[in-house]
C-alpha atoms as a PDB file:
ATOM      1  CA  MET A   1      -0.007   0.009  -0.007  1.00  0.00           C
ATOM      2  CA  GLY A   2       1.147   3.539  -0.667  1.00  0.00           C
ATOM      3  CA  SER A   3       2.833   5.173   2.288  1.00  0.00           C
ATOM      4  CA  GLY A   4       0.415   7.259   4.392  1.00  0.00           C
ATOM      5  CA  GLN A   5      -2.888   5.953   2.976  1.00  0.00           C
ATOM      6  CA  LEU A   6      -3.747   3.777   5.930  1.00  0.00           C
ATOM      7  CA  SER A   7      -2.417   6.261   8.376  1.00  0.00           C
ATOM      8  CA  SER A   8      -4.472   9.105   6.954  1.00  0.00           C
ATOM      9  CA  ALA A   9      -7.292  10.489   9.020  1.00  0.00           C
ATOM     10  CA  PRO A  10     -10.881   9.137   8.999  1.00  0.00           C
ATOM     11  CA  LEU A  11     -13.341  11.221   7.060  1.00  0.00           C
ATOM     12  CA  PRO A  12     -15.719  13.135   9.470  1.00  0.00           C
ATOM     13  CA  ARG A  13     -19.509  12.742   9.162  1.00  0.00           C
ATOM     14  CA  SER A  14     -19.826  16.261   7.749  1.00  0.00           C
ATOM     15  CA  PHE A  15     -18.045  14.863   4.574  1.00  0.00           C
ATOM     16  CA  PHE A  16     -21.102  12.763   3.801  1.00  0.00           C
ATOM     17  CA  ASP A  17     -23.663  15.346   4.831  1.00  0.00           C
ATOM     18  CA  ARG A  18     -23.811  16.747   1.328  1.00  0.00           C
ATOM     19  CA  PRO A  19     -25.665  15.834  -1.897  1.00  0.00           C
ATOM     20  CA  SER A  20     -24.574  12.425  -3.196  1.00  0.00           C
ATOM     21  CA  HIS A  21     -23.482  13.848  -6.564  1.00  0.00           C
ATOM     22  CA  GLU A  22     -21.060  16.135  -4.732  1.00  0.00           C
ATOM     23  CA  VAL A  23     -19.850  13.390  -2.368  1.00  0.00           C
ATOM     24  CA  ALA A  24     -19.313  10.898  -5.053  1.00  0.00           C
ATOM     25  CA  PRO A  25     -16.334  12.424  -6.999  1.00  0.00           C
ATOM     26  CA  ASP A  26     -14.860  13.381  -3.741  1.00  0.00           C
ATOM     27  CA  LEU A  27     -14.854   9.730  -2.615  1.00  0.00           C
ATOM     28  CA  LEU A  28     -12.402   8.714  -5.451  1.00  0.00           C
ATOM     29  CA  GLY A  29      -9.001   7.945  -4.048  1.00  0.00           C
ATOM     30  CA  ARG A  30     -10.412   7.596  -0.464  1.00  0.00           C
ATOM     31  CA  VAL A  31      -9.910   4.281   1.369  1.00  0.00           C
ATOM     32  CA  LEU A  32     -12.690   2.108   2.820  1.00  0.00           C
ATOM     33  CA  VAL A  33     -11.452  -0.258   5.502  1.00  0.00           C
ATOM     34  CA  HIS A  34     -13.442  -3.091   6.748  1.00  0.00           C
ATOM     35  CA  GLY A  35     -11.746  -5.512   9.043  1.00  0.00           C
ATOM     36  CA  SER A  36      -8.360  -6.319   7.678  1.00  0.00           C
ATOM     37  CA  VAL A  37      -9.178  -5.355   4.011  1.00  0.00           C
ATOM     38  CA  ALA A  38      -8.803  -1.850   2.613  1.00  0.00           C
ATOM     39  CA  VAL A  39      -9.966  -0.638  -0.857  1.00  0.00           C
ATOM     40  CA  ARG A  40      -8.984   2.496  -2.540  1.00  0.00           C
ATOM     41  CA  LEU A  41     -12.113   3.763  -4.419  1.00  0.00           C
ATOM     42  CA  THR A  42     -11.814   4.255  -8.170  1.00  0.00           C
ATOM     43  CA  GLU A  43     -15.449   4.205  -9.364  1.00  0.00           C
ATOM     44  CA  VAL A  44     -18.700   5.273  -7.702  1.00  0.00           C
ATOM     45  CA  GLU A  45     -22.266   6.250  -8.612  1.00  0.00           C
ATOM     46  CA  ALA A  46     -24.513   8.847  -7.011  1.00  0.00           C
ATOM     47  CA  TYR A  47     -28.171   8.260  -6.340  1.00  0.00           C
ATOM     48  CA  GLY A  48     -30.688  10.917  -5.241  1.00  0.00           C
ATOM     49  CA  GLY A  49     -33.619  10.950  -2.929  1.00  0.00           C
ATOM     50  CA  PRO A  50     -37.397  10.200  -2.917  1.00  0.00           C
ATOM     51  CA  GLY A  51     -39.220  11.680  -5.914  1.00  0.00           C
ATOM     52  CA  GLU A  52     -35.897  13.065  -7.319  1.00  0.00           C
ATOM     53  CA  ASP A  53     -34.112  10.048  -8.921  1.00  0.00           C
ATOM     54  CA  PRO A  54     -36.155   7.286 -10.560  1.00  0.00           C
ATOM     55  CA  ALA A  55     -33.106   5.020 -10.508  1.00  0.00           C
ATOM     56  CA  ALA A  56     -32.718   5.083  -6.738  1.00  0.00           C
ATOM     57  CA  HIS A  57     -34.154   2.576  -4.250  1.00  0.00           C
ATOM     58  CA  THR A  58     -35.771   5.462  -2.362  1.00  0.00           C
ATOM     59  CA  TYR A  59     -37.570   7.020  -5.329  1.00  0.00           C
ATOM     60  CA  ARG A  60     -40.946   5.824  -3.973  1.00  0.00           C
ATOM     61  CA  GLY A  61     -40.194   6.503  -0.381  1.00  0.00           C
ATOM     62  CA  LYS A  62     -39.070   4.650   2.752  1.00  0.00           C
ATOM     63  CA  THR A  63     -39.377   0.916   3.034  1.00  0.00           C
ATOM     64  CA  PRO A  64     -37.879  -1.751   5.436  1.00  0.00           C
ATOM     65  CA  ARG A  65     -35.330  -2.552   2.715  1.00  0.00           C
ATOM     66  CA  ASN A  66     -34.042   1.015   2.126  1.00  0.00           C
ATOM     67  CA  ALA A  67     -34.476   2.307   5.723  1.00  0.00           C
ATOM     68  CA  VAL A  68     -30.753   2.666   6.274  1.00  0.00           C
ATOM     69  CA  MET A  69     -30.574   5.234   3.399  1.00  0.00           C
ATOM     70  CA  PHE A  70     -32.871   7.470   5.436  1.00  0.00           C
ATOM     71  CA  GLY A  71     -30.626   7.266   8.454  1.00  0.00           C
ATOM     72  CA  PRO A  72     -27.535   9.339   9.383  1.00  0.00           C
ATOM     73  CA  PRO A  73     -24.841  10.154   6.747  1.00  0.00           C
ATOM     74  CA  GLY A  74     -21.673   8.022   6.698  1.00  0.00           C
ATOM     75  CA  HIS A  75     -23.490   4.642   7.272  1.00  0.00           C
ATOM     76  CA  ILE A  76     -23.234   1.682   5.008  1.00  0.00           C
ATOM     77  CA  TYR A  77     -26.285   0.593   3.024  1.00  0.00           C
ATOM     78  CA  VAL A  78     -25.913  -3.001   1.910  1.00  0.00           C
ATOM     79  CA  TYR A  79     -28.475  -4.570  -0.390  1.00  0.00           C
ATOM     80  CA  PHE A  80     -28.975  -7.972  -2.085  1.00  0.00           C
ATOM     81  CA  THR A  81     -29.572  -7.996  -5.752  1.00  0.00           C
ATOM     82  CA  TYR A  82     -30.437 -10.480  -8.553  1.00  0.00           C
ATOM     83  CA  GLY A  83     -30.683 -13.214  -5.928  1.00  0.00           C
ATOM     84  CA  MET A  84     -26.934 -13.654  -5.702  1.00  0.00           C
ATOM     85  CA  HIS A  85     -24.931 -10.397  -4.970  1.00  0.00           C
ATOM     86  CA  PHE A  86     -24.437  -7.863  -2.259  1.00  0.00           C
ATOM     87  CA  CYS A  87     -23.677  -4.228  -3.107  1.00  0.00           C
ATOM     88  CA  ALA A  88     -22.477  -1.430  -0.707  1.00  0.00           C
ATOM     89  CA  ASN A  89     -23.340   2.266  -0.636  1.00  0.00           C
ATOM     90  CA  LEU A  90     -22.438   5.161   1.719  1.00  0.00           C
ATOM     91  CA  VAL A  91     -25.372   7.237   2.962  1.00  0.00           C
ATOM     92  CA  CYS A  92     -25.340  10.958   2.186  1.00  0.00           C
ATOM     93  CA  LEU A  93     -27.254  14.080   3.335  1.00  0.00           C
ATOM     94  CA  PRO A  94     -28.952  14.562   6.718  1.00  0.00           C
ATOM     95  CA  GLU A  95     -31.067  11.841   8.377  1.00  0.00           C
ATOM     96  CA  GLY A  96     -34.438  11.469   6.480  1.00  0.00           C
ATOM     97  CA  SER A  97     -33.016  12.355   3.073  1.00  0.00           C
ATOM     98  CA  GLY A  98     -32.758   8.854   1.415  1.00  0.00           C
ATOM     99  CA  SER A  99     -29.674   9.361  -0.701  1.00  0.00           C
ATOM    100  CA  ALA A 100     -26.404   7.432  -1.139  1.00  0.00           C
ATOM    101  CA  VAL A 101     -23.277   6.706  -3.275  1.00  0.00           C
ATOM    102  CA  LEU A 102     -22.908   3.150  -4.686  1.00  0.00           C
ATOM    103  CA  LEU A 103     -19.323   1.888  -4.386  1.00  0.00           C
ATOM    104  CA  ARG A 104     -18.716   0.338  -7.834  1.00  0.00           C
ATOM    105  CA  ALA A 105     -14.970  -0.418  -7.929  1.00  0.00           C
ATOM    106  CA  GLY A 106     -11.595  -0.073  -6.263  1.00  0.00           C
ATOM    107  CA  GLU A 107      -8.056  -1.306  -5.759  1.00  0.00           C
ATOM    108  CA  VAL A 108      -7.349  -3.606  -2.804  1.00  0.00           C
ATOM    109  CA  VAL A 109      -4.492  -1.928  -1.052  1.00  0.00           C
ATOM    110  CA  GLU A 110      -4.424  -3.929   2.223  1.00  0.00           C
ATOM    111  CA  GLY A 111      -5.478  -7.520   2.925  1.00  0.00           C
ATOM    112  CA  VAL A 112      -4.953  -8.744  -0.646  1.00  0.00           C
ATOM    113  CA  ALA A 113      -4.568 -12.399   0.381  1.00  0.00           C
ATOM    114  CA  GLU A 114      -7.824 -12.260   2.352  1.00  0.00           C
ATOM    115  CA  ALA A 115      -9.707 -10.519  -0.434  1.00  0.00           C
ATOM    116  CA  ARG A 116      -8.293 -13.047  -2.993  1.00  0.00           C
ATOM    117  CA  ALA A 117      -9.489 -16.009  -0.778  1.00  0.00           C
ATOM    118  CA  ARG A 118     -12.958 -14.471  -0.624  1.00  0.00           C
ATOM    119  CA  ARG A 119     -13.047 -13.982  -4.340  1.00  0.00           C
ATOM    120  CA  SER A 120     -11.424 -17.235  -5.473  1.00  0.00           C
ATOM    121  CA  SER A 121     -13.610 -19.839  -7.212  1.00  0.00           C
ATOM    122  CA  GLY A 122     -10.790 -22.237  -7.926  1.00  0.00           C
ATOM    123  CA  ARG A 123      -9.124 -20.022 -10.463  1.00  0.00           C
ATOM    124  CA  PRO A 124      -6.674 -17.268  -9.804  1.00  0.00           C
ATOM    125  CA  VAL A 125      -8.120 -13.706  -9.741  1.00  0.00           C
ATOM    126  CA  PRO A 126      -5.882 -10.924 -11.077  1.00  0.00           C
ATOM    127  CA  ASP A 127      -5.274  -8.083  -8.525  1.00  0.00           C
ATOM    128  CA  ARG A 128      -7.105  -5.531 -10.735  1.00  0.00           C
ATOM    129  CA  ASP A 129     -10.280  -7.599 -10.616  1.00  0.00           C
ATOM    130  CA  LEU A 130     -10.434  -8.208  -6.923  1.00  0.00           C
ATOM    131  CA  ALA A 131     -12.836  -5.262  -6.403  1.00  0.00           C
ATOM    132  CA  ARG A 132     -13.600  -4.395  -9.953  1.00  0.00           C
ATOM    133  CA  GLY A 133     -17.434  -4.052  -9.924  1.00  0.00           C
ATOM    134  CA  PRO A 134     -19.843  -3.400  -7.100  1.00  0.00           C
ATOM    135  CA  ALA A 135     -20.467  -7.127  -6.164  1.00  0.00           C
ATOM    136  CA  ARG A 136     -16.767  -7.968  -6.336  1.00  0.00           C
ATOM    137  CA  LEU A 137     -16.002  -4.960  -4.114  1.00  0.00           C
ATOM    138  CA  ALA A 138     -18.519  -6.041  -1.464  1.00  0.00           C
ATOM    139  CA  VAL A 139     -17.035  -9.632  -1.559  1.00  0.00           C
ATOM    140  CA  ALA A 140     -13.533  -8.400  -1.287  1.00  0.00           C
ATOM    141  CA  LEU A 141     -14.388  -6.324   1.718  1.00  0.00           C
ATOM    142  CA  GLY A 142     -16.553  -9.019   3.340  1.00  0.00           C
ATOM    143  CA  LEU A 143     -19.645  -6.833   3.373  1.00  0.00           C
ATOM    144  CA  LEU A 144     -22.849  -8.924   3.769  1.00  0.00           C
ATOM    145  CA  ARG A 145     -26.421  -8.392   4.877  1.00  0.00           C
ATOM    146  CA  GLU A 146     -25.550  -8.243   8.469  1.00  0.00           C
ATOM    147  CA  HIS A 147     -23.330  -5.138   7.801  1.00  0.00           C
ATOM    148  CA  ASN A 148     -26.312  -3.084   6.567  1.00  0.00           C
ATOM    149  CA  GLY A 149     -26.478   0.007   8.652  1.00  0.00           C
ATOM    150  CA  LEU A 150     -22.789  -0.177   9.872  1.00  0.00           C
ATOM    151  CA  ASP A 151     -21.363   3.168  10.707  1.00  0.00           C
ATOM    152  CA  ALA A 152     -18.283   4.014   8.655  1.00  0.00           C
ATOM    153  CA  VAL A 153     -17.471   7.205  10.453  1.00  0.00           C
ATOM    154  CA  LEU A 154     -15.055   6.959  13.319  1.00  0.00           C
ATOM    155  CA  ASP A 155     -16.353   9.531  15.826  1.00  0.00           C
ATOM    156  CA  GLY A 156     -13.825  10.084  18.683  1.00  0.00           C
ATOM    157  CA  SER A 157     -10.928   7.803  19.325  1.00  0.00           C
ATOM    158  CA  PRO A 158     -10.773   4.160  18.255  1.00  0.00           C
ATOM    159  CA  ALA A 159     -10.593   3.169  21.933  1.00  0.00           C
ATOM    160  CA  GLY A 160     -14.015   4.723  22.310  1.00  0.00           C
ATOM    161  CA  ARG A 161     -15.465   2.491  19.720  1.00  0.00           C
ATOM    162  CA  PRO A 162     -13.850  -0.993  20.236  1.00  0.00           C
ATOM    163  CA  HIS A 163     -16.400  -2.641  17.807  1.00  0.00           C
ATOM    164  CA  GLN A 164     -15.759  -0.254  15.012  1.00  0.00           C
ATOM    165  CA  SER A 165     -15.080  -2.412  11.894  1.00  0.00           C
ATOM    166  CA  ALA A 166     -15.526  -0.007   8.985  1.00  0.00           C
ATOM    167  CA  THR A 167     -13.958   3.412   8.333  1.00  0.00           C
ATOM    168  CA  VAL A 168     -13.398   5.629   5.379  1.00  0.00           C
ATOM    169  CA  LEU A 169      -9.973   7.219   5.378  1.00  0.00           C
ATOM    170  CA  ALA A 170      -8.910  10.383   3.645  1.00  0.00           C
ATOM    171  CA  GLY A 171      -6.332   8.476   1.526  1.00  0.00           C
ATOM    172  CA  ARG A 172      -5.119  10.420  -1.430  1.00  0.00           C
ATOM    173  CA  PRO A 173      -8.011  12.201  -3.200  1.00  0.00           C
ATOM    174  CA  ALA A 174      -7.930  11.738  -6.951  1.00  0.00           C
ATOM    175  CA  ASP A 175      -6.491  14.478  -9.018  1.00  0.00           C
ATOM    176  CA  PRO A 176      -9.561  16.423 -10.365  1.00  0.00           C
ATOM    177  CA  ALA A 177      -8.073  16.373 -13.846  1.00  0.00           C
ATOM    178  CA  THR A 178      -8.254  12.562 -13.821  1.00  0.00           C
ATOM    179  CA  ILE A 179     -11.998  12.403 -12.747  1.00  0.00           C
ATOM    180  CA  ARG A 180     -14.514  11.533 -15.480  1.00  0.00           C
ATOM    181  CA  SER A 181     -18.321  11.351 -15.339  1.00  0.00           C
ATOM    182  CA  GLY A 182     -21.026   9.760 -17.353  1.00  0.00           C
ATOM    183  CA  PRO A 183     -24.253   7.846 -17.267  1.00  0.00           C
ATOM    184  CA  ARG A 184     -24.738   5.230 -14.621  1.00  0.00           C
ATOM    185  CA  THR A 185     -24.254   1.557 -15.427  1.00  0.00           C
ATOM    186  CA  GLY A 186     -27.289  -0.603 -16.201  1.00  0.00           C
ATOM    187  CA  VAL A 187     -30.110   1.667 -15.155  1.00  0.00           C
ATOM    188  CA  SER A 188     -33.308   1.826 -17.207  1.00  0.00           C
ATOM    189  CA  THR A 189     -34.489   5.123 -15.925  1.00  0.00           C
ATOM    190  CA  ALA A 190     -32.724   8.514 -15.680  1.00  0.00           C
ATOM    191  CA  LYS A 191     -30.377   6.956 -18.173  1.00  0.00           C
ATOM    192  CA  GLU A 192     -28.511  10.089 -19.100  1.00  0.00           C
ATOM    193  CA  THR A 193     -27.908  11.455 -15.615  1.00  0.00           C
ATOM    194  CA  PRO A 194     -24.047  11.740 -15.539  1.00  0.00           C
ATOM    195  CA  TRP A 195     -23.631  10.565 -11.788  1.00  0.00           C
ATOM    196  CA  ARG A 196     -21.184   7.840 -12.489  1.00  0.00           C
ATOM    197  CA  PHE A 197     -17.662   8.966 -11.550  1.00  0.00           C
ATOM    198  CA  TRP A 198     -14.349   7.239 -12.166  1.00  0.00           C
ATOM    199  CA  ILE A 199     -10.586   7.780 -12.197  1.00  0.00           C
ATOM    200  CA  ASP A 200      -9.636   7.959 -15.911  1.00  0.00           C
ATOM    201  CA  GLY A 201      -7.094   5.216 -16.905  1.00  0.00           C
ATOM    202  CA  ASP A 202      -7.333   3.274 -13.621  1.00  0.00           C
ATOM    203  CA  PRO A 203      -7.238  -0.527 -14.377  1.00  0.00           C
ATOM    204  CA  THR A 204      -9.642  -1.342 -11.579  1.00  0.00           C
ATOM    205  CA  VAL A 205     -12.488   0.707 -13.043  1.00  0.00           C
ATOM    206  CA  SER A 206     -15.325  -1.587 -14.325  1.00  0.00           C
ATOM    207  CA  PRO A 207     -16.501  -1.572 -17.952  1.00  0.00           C
ATOM    208  CA  TYR A 208     -19.606   0.612 -18.595  1.00  0.00           C
ATOM    209  CA  ARG A 209     -22.707  -1.272 -19.718  1.00  0.00           C
ATOM    210  CA  ALA A 210     -26.034   0.221 -20.648  1.00  0.00           C
ATOM    211  CA  HIS A 211     -29.240  -1.283 -19.438  1.00  0.00           C
ATOM    212  CA  VAL A 212     -30.425  -4.231 -21.443  1.00  0.00           C
ATOM    213  CA  PRO A 213     -33.929  -5.488 -20.633  1.00  0.00           C
ATOM    214  CA  ARG A 214     -34.044  -9.003 -19.309  1.00  0.00           C
ATOM    215  CA  ARG A 215     -36.107 -11.571 -21.269  1.00  0.00           C
ATOM    216  CA  ARG A 216     -39.243 -12.872 -19.520  1.00  0.00           C
ATOM    217  CA  ASN A 217     -39.471 -16.595 -19.227  1.00  0.00           C
ATOM    218  CA  ALA A 218     -41.152 -19.277 -17.120  1.00  0.00           C
ATOM    219  CA  ALA A 219     -38.086 -19.579 -14.931  1.00  0.00           C
ATOM    220  CA  ALA A 220     -37.902 -15.923 -13.962  1.00  0.00           C
ATOM    221  CA  THR A 221     -38.152 -15.344 -10.247  1.00  0.00           C
ATOM    222  CA  SER A 222     -38.319 -11.483 -10.344  1.00  0.00           C
ATOM    223  CA  VAL A 223     -39.426  -8.785 -12.717  1.00  0.00           C
ATOM    224  CA  GLY A 224     -37.940  -5.474 -13.388  1.00  0.00           C
ATOM    225  CA  GLU A 225     -34.714  -3.605 -12.712  1.00  0.00           C
ATOM    226  CA  ALA A 226     -32.772  -3.831  -9.402  1.00  0.00           C
ATOM    227  CA  PRO A 227     -31.896  -0.184  -8.837  1.00  0.00           C
ATOM    228  CA  LYS A 228     -28.319   0.636  -7.786  1.00  0.00           C
ATOM    229  CA  SER A 229     -28.944   2.337  -4.517  1.00  0.00           C
END
């Protein structure tokens, strides 16, 4: 890991107490630590609040599933999608707002062996692919359903929070000249909203894919798009 990234200061709660499309590009280059694995964020997507962003889980209001998004900023919203994957988001704006940033990709900078063991399916996984994509990132970090609602802001000293297992460190913010934006991946509504942000040229950024409607068939167990956050 680059010198100083893990020793950098945790981001304060006020960092997340802003609109998601402002927080998202500012997250690039920051480091999310969960347990013994740390990921430098290289690609994210912003999602707005109720009635604002048709692609967001909160567009139609608060539900048991998305309740964490309406909680305090800086908490992790984990959701299960397509019956097989978990994805992780960081909540933005004051409590009650229902907005978040989806963590799409990153570079594993600490705990590579553990991340590789979690990702391994019998074949070697290149380092660049360990957290390349939102589901892969969640797997690499070991984020599961039980981590939904986990506070990623370290208020006070670590000794005051012995059970703290997730933190977002300041890391090395991406050079603004390297940050790109464009449409979000795989959404069927608000297709042109340019709230996907990534570090240009970083090999861990996932490929962009436009939404492709899924075919209906007798074996289908769900209908419709699974929104990103």
